Protein backbone atom coordinates (compact mmCIF):
# COMPACT_ATOMS: atom_id res chain seq x y z
CA MET A 1 97.89 133.60 107.38
CA GLY A 2 97.89 130.45 105.65
CA PHE A 3 98.82 130.01 101.78
CA GLN A 4 94.92 129.56 100.91
CA ASN A 5 93.71 132.47 102.29
CA THR A 6 96.40 135.08 100.70
CA LEU A 7 95.30 137.39 97.90
CA TYR A 8 97.57 135.79 95.72
CA CYS A 9 96.11 132.27 95.88
CA LYS A 10 92.58 134.12 95.24
CA VAL A 11 93.50 135.82 92.27
CA LEU A 12 94.90 132.03 91.00
CA VAL A 13 91.65 130.69 91.67
CA LEU A 14 89.64 133.13 90.21
CA THR A 15 91.73 133.19 87.05
CA CYS A 16 91.51 129.76 86.57
CA ILE A 17 87.78 129.94 86.76
CA LEU A 18 87.60 132.52 84.19
CA LEU A 19 90.00 130.66 82.15
CA LEU A 20 87.49 127.78 82.34
CA LEU A 21 84.49 129.57 81.53
CA SER A 22 86.38 131.17 78.46
CA ILE A 23 87.40 127.88 76.73
CA PRO A 24 83.72 127.43 74.41
CA LEU A 25 84.90 131.26 73.32
CA ALA A 26 87.56 129.39 70.62
CA GLY A 27 84.95 127.93 69.11
CA SER A 28 85.79 124.23 68.84
CA SER A 29 83.68 121.39 69.32
CA TYR A 30 86.72 119.07 69.84
CA LEU A 31 88.19 121.55 72.73
CA ASN A 32 84.95 121.75 74.30
CA PHE A 33 84.78 117.97 73.85
CA LEU A 34 88.36 117.28 75.27
CA ALA A 35 87.38 120.03 78.45
CA CYS A 36 84.03 118.01 79.11
CA MET A 37 86.09 114.47 79.38
CA ALA A 38 88.86 116.42 81.31
CA LEU A 39 86.68 117.76 84.01
CA VAL A 40 84.67 114.19 84.18
CA TYR A 41 87.82 112.38 85.12
CA SER A 42 88.89 115.79 87.78
CA ILE A 43 85.58 115.08 89.26
CA TRP A 44 86.24 111.35 89.32
CA ALA A 45 89.92 111.87 90.51
CA LEU A 46 88.95 113.87 93.30
CA GLY A 47 86.44 111.35 95.13
CA TYR A 48 89.28 108.52 94.61
CA ASN A 49 91.85 110.97 95.80
CA LEU A 50 89.63 111.22 99.13
CA LEU A 51 90.33 107.07 99.58
CA LEU A 52 93.89 107.22 98.11
CA GLY A 53 95.59 110.60 99.11
CA TYR A 54 93.62 111.20 102.25
CA THR A 55 93.11 107.69 103.62
CA GLY A 56 95.59 105.84 102.08
CA LEU A 57 93.81 103.09 100.73
CA LEU A 58 94.17 102.01 96.93
CA SER A 59 91.30 100.82 95.19
CA PHE A 60 91.47 98.49 91.47
CA GLY A 61 88.12 98.90 91.62
CA HIS A 62 86.84 102.31 91.09
CA GLY A 63 85.84 101.81 87.59
CA ALA A 64 82.71 100.02 88.82
CA TYR A 65 81.12 102.97 90.28
CA PHE A 66 81.86 104.99 86.97
CA GLY A 67 79.96 102.47 84.92
CA LEU A 68 77.25 101.96 87.25
CA GLY A 69 76.78 105.67 86.96
CA ALA A 70 77.19 105.69 83.29
CA TYR A 71 75.22 102.33 82.57
CA THR A 72 72.26 103.81 85.12
CA VAL A 73 71.85 107.28 82.62
CA ALA A 74 72.14 104.83 79.60
CA ILE A 75 69.26 102.67 81.06
CA LEU A 76 67.45 105.40 81.74
CA THR A 77 67.72 107.31 78.71
CA THR A 78 67.50 104.55 76.26
CA ARG A 79 65.48 101.75 77.68
CA TYR A 80 62.81 103.96 79.77
CA SER A 81 63.07 106.90 77.78
CA ILE A 82 63.51 109.25 81.14
CA GLN A 83 65.18 112.00 80.09
CA SER A 84 64.93 114.75 82.96
CA LEU A 85 68.14 115.79 84.00
CA PRO A 86 67.86 115.74 87.51
CA VAL A 87 65.80 112.30 87.94
CA VAL A 88 68.68 110.60 85.75
CA LEU A 89 71.95 111.94 87.32
CA GLY A 90 70.08 111.63 91.04
CA THR A 91 69.59 107.85 90.26
CA ALA A 92 72.72 107.31 88.70
CA ILE A 93 74.24 108.69 91.95
CA LEU A 94 72.05 106.83 93.93
CA VAL A 95 72.95 103.29 92.50
CA SER A 96 76.71 103.62 92.29
CA THR A 97 76.14 104.77 96.18
CA PHE A 98 74.16 101.78 97.20
CA PHE A 99 76.24 99.23 95.78
CA GLY A 100 79.33 101.58 96.81
CA THR A 101 77.67 101.46 100.68
CA ILE A 102 77.56 97.58 100.49
CA ILE A 103 81.02 96.94 98.52
CA GLY A 104 82.95 99.68 101.00
CA TYR A 105 81.32 98.10 104.45
CA LEU A 106 83.02 94.45 103.08
CA CYS A 107 86.20 95.71 102.13
CA ALA A 108 87.11 98.58 104.24
CA ARG A 109 87.05 95.55 107.32
CA HIS A 110 90.16 94.22 105.85
CA VAL A 111 93.92 95.46 105.35
CA ALA A 112 95.19 97.33 102.55
CA LYS A 113 96.45 94.46 100.61
CA TYR A 114 93.15 92.39 101.02
CA PHE A 115 91.01 95.65 100.36
CA ALA A 116 92.77 96.38 97.17
CA LEU A 117 92.18 92.70 96.03
CA LEU A 118 88.66 93.12 97.11
CA THR A 119 87.95 96.11 95.31
CA LEU A 120 89.16 94.33 91.88
CA ALA A 121 87.16 91.51 92.07
CA PHE A 122 83.88 93.13 92.72
CA SER A 123 84.77 95.47 89.39
CA GLN A 124 85.29 92.09 87.61
CA LEU A 125 82.12 90.83 89.02
CA PHE A 126 80.50 93.46 87.61
CA TYR A 127 82.49 93.50 84.26
CA ALA A 128 80.89 89.91 84.00
CA LEU A 129 77.94 90.80 84.73
CA THR A 130 77.30 93.42 81.84
CA PHE A 131 78.01 90.43 79.41
CA LYS A 132 75.40 87.92 81.38
CA LEU A 133 72.58 90.87 81.61
CA TYR A 134 72.63 91.69 77.86
CA LYS A 135 69.30 91.84 77.49
CA TRP A 136 69.59 95.44 79.28
CA THR A 137 73.31 96.56 78.78
CA GLY A 138 73.65 95.27 75.08
CA GLY A 139 76.37 92.75 76.45
CA SER A 140 79.94 93.68 74.53
CA ASP A 141 78.00 95.77 72.07
CA GLY A 142 77.33 98.52 74.92
CA ILE A 143 74.04 100.70 75.01
CA GLY A 144 73.32 103.99 73.14
CA VAL A 145 72.40 107.16 75.69
CA LYS A 146 69.78 110.05 74.79
CA PRO A 147 70.57 113.37 75.87
CA LEU A 148 69.61 114.73 78.94
CA LYS A 149 66.34 117.23 79.44
CA LEU A 150 65.97 120.36 81.27
CA LEU A 151 63.65 123.61 80.94
CA GLY A 152 63.39 122.35 77.17
CA LEU A 153 66.93 122.34 76.88
CA GLU A 154 69.11 119.23 75.59
CA PHE A 155 72.58 118.27 77.24
CA SER A 156 74.69 116.07 75.27
CA GLY A 157 78.36 115.71 74.07
CA ILE A 158 77.02 115.00 70.88
CA GLY A 159 75.80 117.93 68.75
CA ASP A 160 75.81 121.22 70.99
CA THR A 161 78.64 120.63 73.37
CA VAL A 162 78.96 124.03 75.19
CA SER A 163 76.03 124.01 76.69
CA TYR A 164 76.74 120.25 78.13
CA TYR A 165 80.33 121.77 78.98
CA TYR A 166 79.22 124.62 81.02
CA LEU A 167 76.62 121.69 82.95
CA VAL A 168 80.04 119.32 83.32
CA LEU A 169 81.97 122.63 84.48
CA LEU A 170 79.01 123.40 87.45
CA PHE A 171 79.30 120.25 88.67
CA PHE A 172 83.30 119.95 88.81
CA LEU A 173 83.47 123.10 90.75
CA LEU A 174 80.73 122.17 92.82
CA SER A 175 82.73 118.91 93.49
CA LEU A 176 85.89 120.78 93.80
CA TYR A 177 84.26 122.80 96.68
CA THR A 178 82.75 120.09 98.86
CA SER A 179 86.33 117.90 98.13
CA TRP A 180 87.94 121.10 99.73
CA ARG A 181 85.08 121.33 102.70
CA ILE A 182 85.93 117.82 103.47
CA VAL A 183 89.41 117.44 103.55
CA ASN A 184 89.58 120.45 105.94
CA SER A 185 86.96 119.31 108.04
CA PRO A 186 87.30 117.22 111.23
CA PHE A 187 86.42 114.12 109.09
CA GLY A 188 88.76 114.97 106.35
CA LYS A 189 91.44 115.29 109.46
CA ALA A 190 90.63 112.07 111.17
CA LEU A 191 91.28 110.33 107.54
CA GLN A 192 94.59 111.85 107.37
CA ALA A 193 95.29 110.45 110.78
CA ILE A 194 94.28 107.09 109.69
CA ARG A 195 96.66 107.18 106.49
CA ASP A 196 99.59 108.01 108.70
CA ASN A 197 99.05 105.89 111.10
CA PRO A 198 95.92 103.62 111.97
CA LEU A 199 96.93 102.22 115.40
CA LYS A 200 97.38 105.55 116.77
CA ALA A 201 94.68 106.59 115.38
CA GLU A 202 92.45 103.80 117.23
CA SER A 203 94.14 104.87 120.51
CA ILE A 204 92.95 108.13 120.32
CA GLY A 205 89.38 107.00 119.38
CA ILE A 206 88.73 107.78 115.84
CA PRO A 207 86.51 104.78 114.49
CA VAL A 208 89.19 103.76 111.73
CA LYS A 209 87.08 101.34 110.54
CA ARG A 210 83.90 102.91 110.19
CA TYR A 211 85.60 106.28 108.57
CA LYS A 212 87.13 104.19 106.05
CA TRP A 213 83.75 103.08 104.96
CA TYR A 214 82.43 106.84 105.35
CA ALA A 215 85.53 107.43 102.85
CA PHE A 216 84.57 105.04 100.60
CA ILE A 217 81.07 105.57 100.25
CA VAL A 218 81.71 109.34 99.61
CA SER A 219 84.32 108.65 96.78
CA THR A 220 82.01 106.44 95.16
CA VAL A 221 79.44 109.35 94.86
CA TYR A 222 82.00 111.27 92.76
CA SER A 223 82.69 108.09 90.99
CA GLY A 224 78.92 107.74 89.95
CA LEU A 225 78.58 111.26 89.37
CA ALA A 226 81.55 110.93 86.70
CA GLY A 227 80.13 107.97 85.27
CA ALA A 228 76.82 110.04 84.79
CA LEU A 229 78.21 113.07 82.96
CA TYR A 230 80.72 110.46 81.23
CA ALA A 231 77.57 108.94 79.29
CA PRO A 232 75.75 111.97 77.75
CA LEU A 233 79.29 113.27 76.43
CA PHE A 234 80.43 109.88 74.56
CA GLY A 235 76.45 108.79 73.89
CA HIS A 236 77.26 105.12 73.83
CA VAL A 237 78.81 103.07 77.14
CA VAL A 238 80.42 99.47 76.89
CA PRO A 239 81.32 96.93 79.46
CA ASP A 240 84.84 98.57 79.60
CA LEU A 241 84.17 100.67 82.00
CA PHE A 242 84.31 97.76 84.39
CA HIS A 243 87.66 96.37 84.00
CA PHE A 244 90.27 97.05 85.83
CA SER A 245 92.45 98.57 83.21
CA PHE A 246 90.28 101.59 83.26
CA SER A 247 90.07 101.75 87.08
CA GLY A 248 94.12 102.24 86.47
CA GLU A 249 93.45 105.33 84.37
CA VAL A 250 91.83 107.09 87.65
CA LEU A 251 94.99 105.94 89.85
CA PHE A 252 97.58 106.82 86.47
CA ALA A 253 95.84 110.51 87.00
CA THR A 254 95.45 110.84 90.51
CA LEU A 255 99.44 109.59 91.03
CA LEU A 256 100.59 111.72 87.96
CA GLY A 257 99.25 115.12 89.59
CA GLY A 258 99.96 114.10 93.20
CA HIS A 259 97.88 112.13 95.73
CA ARG A 260 99.28 114.37 98.69
CA ILE A 261 98.35 117.82 97.26
CA PHE A 262 94.62 118.53 97.00
CA ILE A 263 94.86 119.87 93.27
CA GLY A 264 97.00 117.19 92.01
CA PRO A 265 94.36 114.92 90.89
CA VAL A 266 92.86 117.85 88.95
CA ILE A 267 96.06 118.43 87.28
CA GLY A 268 96.92 114.49 86.90
CA ALA A 269 93.49 114.16 85.20
CA ILE A 270 93.47 117.27 83.14
CA VAL A 271 97.24 116.08 81.55
CA PHE A 272 96.48 112.53 81.28
CA THR A 273 93.14 113.52 79.38
CA ILE A 274 95.42 115.46 76.99
CA ALA A 275 98.02 113.45 76.62
CA ARG A 276 96.18 110.39 75.53
CA SER A 277 94.47 112.26 73.28
CA TYR A 278 97.56 112.91 71.11
CA ILE A 279 99.03 109.64 72.03
CA THR A 280 96.12 108.02 70.17
CA ALA A 281 96.07 110.20 67.59
CA VAL A 282 99.95 108.82 66.96
CA THR A 283 100.15 105.03 67.93
CA ILE A 284 97.32 102.47 68.42
CA TYR A 285 99.64 101.66 71.33
CA TRP A 286 99.03 104.41 73.83
CA PRO A 287 98.62 102.00 76.48
CA LEU A 288 102.53 101.16 76.65
CA VAL A 289 103.14 105.01 75.97
CA LEU A 290 101.33 105.98 79.17
CA GLY A 291 102.75 103.02 80.75
CA LEU A 292 106.22 104.21 80.28
CA LEU A 293 105.22 107.61 81.69
CA LEU A 294 103.92 106.17 84.82
CA VAL A 295 107.11 104.53 85.08
CA ILE A 296 109.18 108.00 84.56
CA VAL A 297 106.63 109.63 87.09
CA ALA A 298 106.94 106.80 89.60
CA LEU A 299 110.87 106.91 89.59
CA PHE A 300 111.30 110.83 88.55
CA PHE A 301 108.25 112.40 90.51
CA PRO A 302 107.68 110.27 93.37
CA HIS A 303 105.16 112.57 94.97
CA GLY A 304 103.52 113.54 91.42
CA VAL A 305 104.69 116.29 89.11
CA ILE A 306 102.38 119.16 90.84
CA GLY A 307 103.35 117.55 94.82
CA THR A 308 107.47 117.16 93.55
CA LEU A 309 106.89 121.02 92.14
CA TYR A 310 105.27 122.11 95.31
CA THR A 311 107.79 120.18 97.62
CA THR A 312 110.89 121.82 95.58
CA LEU A 313 109.62 125.16 95.39
CA LYS A 314 108.84 125.00 99.41
CA GLY A 315 112.03 123.82 99.90
CA ARG A 316 114.07 126.62 97.60
CA PHE A 317 111.81 129.61 99.04
CA ARG A 318 112.81 128.09 103.10
CA ARG A 319 116.09 128.51 102.18
CA LEU A 320 115.89 132.11 100.73
């Protein structure tokens, strides 16, 4: 029987869910905010890892789709006073996916190094457009975000953080389950074959370019959702969301946890969020500290923290 089907695994999953549900019981607004941030980054990293960990494609531009989701929410709620939660989130995901579909089609037709450069180029294009379209985006000042509404309730990271935390948690659990189903489906197995050997995958009938494109599209859905949940959490969005340095954050989180382990990006996103919170409280040079942390991970944990731990424990159990 596989590990994922054992009683131990089921108990562990249930324990983690109960732990997540109990976080607001601590009564700390800051803890709720930090947990929301970690879950938003986890959703983003789950989608990103479908591209990096399972398809073998490195993107430097996934902040663009995160930013599109965030700015769509900001523009709809502030410029048009549309605050309906299903409408706003649905539109944000559609906008991100629309641009992701077009850009993904152009990028997926190129080999890995050109793929990475193209994703970077498109991200910087959106970054420049946020300044050019200042009447809509607010330019360098950014734009505010109004709370989302559903059934008479308001959802925002400003004020009542408990209700917004449970909303984000719901979307995280749905994203986690959907991602699990994808990577264990025939499509997910085909992506892993493409990652391991694209030429061999193509020789056995897998449409490599088309599946790379599909993986890109799915990852932008996750990015758009994460961005859409990020906007009400902070109550304000700025052009930096489109900058390549912001895209590097999801890459860092994914590598930190381990891109070859399903749960790795989630652990990486949580550790990244907590580490950044504490580092920024101590020094303004937090990017330098995180950069050094990435070097340490690359040198001593080449498969990420969770990936290296899993490999080590697996080897020891085999020797027993």
